[in-house]
N, C-alpha and C. Protein backbone atom coordinates (compact mmCIF):
# COMPACT_ATOMS: atom_id res chain seq x y z
N MET A 1 -4.02 -0.86 8.67
CA MET A 1 -5.04 -1.46 8.25
C MET A 1 -4.87 -2.78 8.15
N ASN A 2 -6.42 -3.65 8.94
CA ASN A 2 -5.96 -4.68 8.46
C ASN A 2 -6.71 -5.48 7.55
N GLY A 3 -7.42 -4.58 6.56
CA GLY A 3 -7.53 -6.02 5.48
C GLY A 3 -9.20 -6.49 5.35
N GLN A 4 -9.72 -6.19 6.46
CA GLN A 4 -10.75 -6.58 6.58
C GLN A 4 -12.11 -6.17 5.94
N ASN A 5 -12.11 -4.57 5.42
CA ASN A 5 -12.84 -4.32 4.90
C ASN A 5 -12.70 -3.98 3.52
N ARG A 6 -13.70 -4.35 2.46
CA ARG A 6 -13.25 -4.66 0.92
C ARG A 6 -13.13 -2.86 0.40
N ALA A 7 -13.80 -1.78 1.21
CA ALA A 7 -13.58 -0.47 0.46
C ALA A 7 -11.97 0.04 0.85
N ASP A 8 -11.43 -0.71 1.97
CA ASP A 8 -10.03 -0.84 2.11
C ASP A 8 -8.67 -1.38 1.31
N VAL A 9 -9.33 -2.01 0.40
CA VAL A 9 -8.65 -3.00 -0.11
C VAL A 9 -8.49 -2.34 -1.84
N THR A 10 -7.25 -1.97 -2.34
CA THR A 10 -8.12 -1.75 -4.11
C THR A 10 -6.62 -2.41 -5.01
N PRO A 11 -7.31 -3.05 -6.10
CA PRO A 11 -5.83 -3.26 -6.94
C PRO A 11 -5.17 -2.34 -7.13
N GLY A 12 -3.62 -3.01 -7.17
CA GLY A 12 -2.15 -1.94 -7.08
C GLY A 12 -1.66 -1.57 -5.79
N LEU A 13 -2.60 -2.06 -4.62
CA LEU A 13 -1.99 -1.93 -3.74
C LEU A 13 -1.25 -2.82 -3.05
N LYS A 14 -0.07 -2.18 -2.20
CA LYS A 14 0.59 -3.42 -1.33
C LYS A 14 0.45 -3.67 -0.17
N VAL A 15 0.14 -4.61 -0.18
CA VAL A 15 -0.64 -5.87 0.72
C VAL A 15 0.55 -6.96 1.27
N ALA A 16 0.22 -7.51 2.71
CA ALA A 16 0.69 -8.72 3.27
C ALA A 16 -0.43 -9.28 3.25
N VAL A 17 -0.33 -10.67 2.80
CA VAL A 17 -1.19 -11.92 2.90
C VAL A 17 -1.26 -13.10 3.68
N ILE A 18 -2.22 -13.77 3.98
CA ILE A 18 -1.50 -15.41 4.54
C ILE A 18 -1.97 -16.13 3.37
N LEU A 19 -1.52 -17.13 2.63
CA LEU A 19 -1.65 -18.07 1.84
C LEU A 19 -2.60 -19.01 2.59
N LYS A 20 -3.23 -19.76 1.75
CA LYS A 20 -4.12 -21.03 2.67
C LYS A 20 -3.37 -21.80 2.91
N LYS A 21 -2.05 -22.50 2.16
CA LYS A 21 -0.66 -23.05 2.57
C LYS A 21 -0.32 -22.88 3.74
N ASP A 22 -0.33 -21.72 4.17
CA ASP A 22 0.66 -20.83 5.22
C ASP A 22 -0.37 -20.51 6.62
N GLN A 23 -1.53 -20.93 6.40
CA GLN A 23 -2.42 -20.03 7.64
C GLN A 23 -2.19 -20.96 8.72
N ARG A 24 -1.72 -22.27 9.17
CA ARG A 24 -1.54 -22.40 10.21
C ARG A 24 -0.05 -21.81 11.21
N ALA A 25 0.49 -21.67 9.99
CA ALA A 25 1.95 -21.10 10.49
C ALA A 25 2.04 -19.67 10.64
N GLY A 26 0.73 -19.17 9.96
CA GLY A 26 0.83 -17.70 9.88
C GLY A 26 1.94 -16.55 9.16
N VAL A 27 2.55 -17.78 8.01
CA VAL A 27 3.83 -16.87 7.74
C VAL A 27 3.04 -15.54 6.25
N LYS A 28 3.40 -14.55 6.98
CA LYS A 28 2.93 -13.24 5.40
C LYS A 28 3.44 -13.46 4.24
N THR A 29 2.82 -13.18 3.35
CA THR A 29 3.50 -12.83 1.94
C THR A 29 3.13 -11.76 1.56
N GLU A 30 4.30 -10.64 1.00
CA GLU A 30 3.85 -9.29 0.26
C GLU A 30 3.82 -9.66 -1.18
N GLY A 31 2.69 -8.76 -1.76
CA GLY A 31 2.74 -8.77 -2.99
C GLY A 31 1.66 -7.31 -2.91
N VAL A 32 1.77 -6.92 -4.58
CA VAL A 32 0.40 -5.79 -5.08
C VAL A 32 -0.94 -7.19 -5.83
N VAL A 33 -1.64 -6.14 -5.16
CA VAL A 33 -3.21 -6.60 -5.15
C VAL A 33 -3.50 -6.48 -6.94
N LYS A 34 -3.86 -7.99 -7.36
CA LYS A 34 -4.41 -7.90 -9.00
C LYS A 34 -5.98 -7.97 -8.76
N ASP A 35 -6.53 -8.38 -8.43
CA ASP A 35 -7.74 -8.77 -8.24
C ASP A 35 -8.36 -9.22 -6.76
N LEU A 36 -9.64 -8.27 -6.26
CA LEU A 36 -10.36 -8.82 -5.44
C LEU A 36 -11.52 -10.19 -5.33
N LEU A 37 -10.89 -11.18 -5.05
CA LEU A 37 -12.13 -12.45 -5.18
C LEU A 37 -13.47 -12.25 -3.82
N THR A 38 -13.20 -11.65 -2.50
CA THR A 38 -14.26 -11.72 -2.30
C THR A 38 -15.27 -10.59 -2.13
N ASN A 39 -16.29 -11.15 -2.48
CA ASN A 39 -17.56 -9.79 -2.63
C ASN A 39 -18.08 -9.33 -1.36
N SER A 40 -18.29 -10.17 -0.64
CA SER A 40 -18.91 -9.10 0.61
C SER A 40 -18.14 -8.03 1.05
N SER A 41 -18.92 -6.93 2.03
CA SER A 41 -17.85 -5.84 2.21
C SER A 41 -16.82 -5.90 3.23
N PHE A 42 -16.98 -7.00 4.43
CA PHE A 42 -16.65 -7.06 5.23
C PHE A 42 -16.22 -8.89 5.29
N HIS A 43 -15.13 -9.21 5.92
CA HIS A 43 -14.59 -10.40 6.19
C HIS A 43 -13.97 -10.60 6.93
N PRO A 44 -14.07 -11.25 8.40
CA PRO A 44 -13.44 -11.51 10.07
C PRO A 44 -11.94 -12.01 9.61
N HIS A 45 -11.59 -12.83 8.43
CA HIS A 45 -10.47 -13.08 7.99
C HIS A 45 -9.73 -12.45 7.14
N GLY A 46 -9.92 -11.34 6.81
CA GLY A 46 -9.81 -10.36 5.86
C GLY A 46 -10.23 -10.56 4.29
N ILE A 47 -9.81 -9.95 3.60
CA ILE A 47 -10.75 -9.95 1.95
C ILE A 47 -9.62 -10.79 1.28
N LYS A 48 -10.38 -11.92 0.61
CA LYS A 48 -9.24 -12.47 -0.10
C LYS A 48 -9.00 -12.03 -1.82
N VAL A 49 -7.71 -11.93 -1.92
CA VAL A 49 -7.27 -11.17 -3.24
C VAL A 49 -6.43 -12.29 -4.10
N ARG A 50 -5.94 -11.64 -5.19
CA ARG A 50 -5.04 -12.43 -6.23
C ARG A 50 -3.86 -11.52 -6.26
N LEU A 51 -2.35 -12.31 -6.06
CA LEU A 51 -1.55 -10.81 -6.18
C LEU A 51 -1.22 -10.88 -7.69
N GLU A 52 -0.27 -9.93 -8.49
CA GLU A 52 -0.08 -10.00 -9.63
C GLU A 52 0.80 -11.24 -9.51
N ASP A 53 1.36 -11.62 -9.08
CA ASP A 53 2.27 -13.20 -9.14
C ASP A 53 1.37 -14.33 -9.06
N GLY A 54 -0.18 -13.96 -8.99
CA GLY A 54 -0.81 -15.36 -9.27
C GLY A 54 -1.57 -15.94 -7.87
N GLN A 55 -0.81 -15.68 -6.89
CA GLN A 55 -0.84 -16.49 -5.28
C GLN A 55 -2.46 -15.43 -5.02
N VAL A 56 -3.12 -16.29 -4.17
CA VAL A 56 -4.30 -16.09 -3.74
C VAL A 56 -4.23 -16.48 -2.06
N GLY A 57 -4.70 -15.10 -1.21
CA GLY A 57 -4.17 -15.22 -0.56
C GLY A 57 -5.65 -13.77 0.65
N ARG A 58 -5.55 -14.33 1.81
CA ARG A 58 -6.47 -12.97 2.85
C ARG A 58 -5.74 -11.61 3.01
N VAL A 59 -5.76 -11.03 2.73
CA VAL A 59 -4.81 -9.84 3.60
C VAL A 59 -4.86 -9.72 4.97
N CYS A 60 -3.87 -9.45 5.58
CA CYS A 60 -3.85 -9.38 6.81
C CYS A 60 -2.96 -7.81 7.36
N GLU A 61 -2.57 -7.42 6.13
CA GLU A 61 -2.44 -6.26 6.75
C GLU A 61 -1.81 -5.53 5.19
N ILE A 62 -2.10 -3.92 5.19
CA ILE A 62 -2.03 -2.95 4.36
C ILE A 62 -0.63 -2.03 4.08
N LEU A 63 0.01 -2.36 3.74
CA LEU A 63 1.63 -1.92 4.40
C LEU A 63 1.48 -0.26 3.05
């Protein structure tokens, strides 16, 4: 799954995100979802989440 649908992403899920600073390089960061920050049900670049370690990024892959 690619993390574009809000229904697929839930707190406690292990995901790979792309942080804002890593968007150009496409570097993925793994973590566990703490909060969902995107309110819409779909986002083409991925649902924005806050990881448990406080980092914020868009989900690119659900692990």
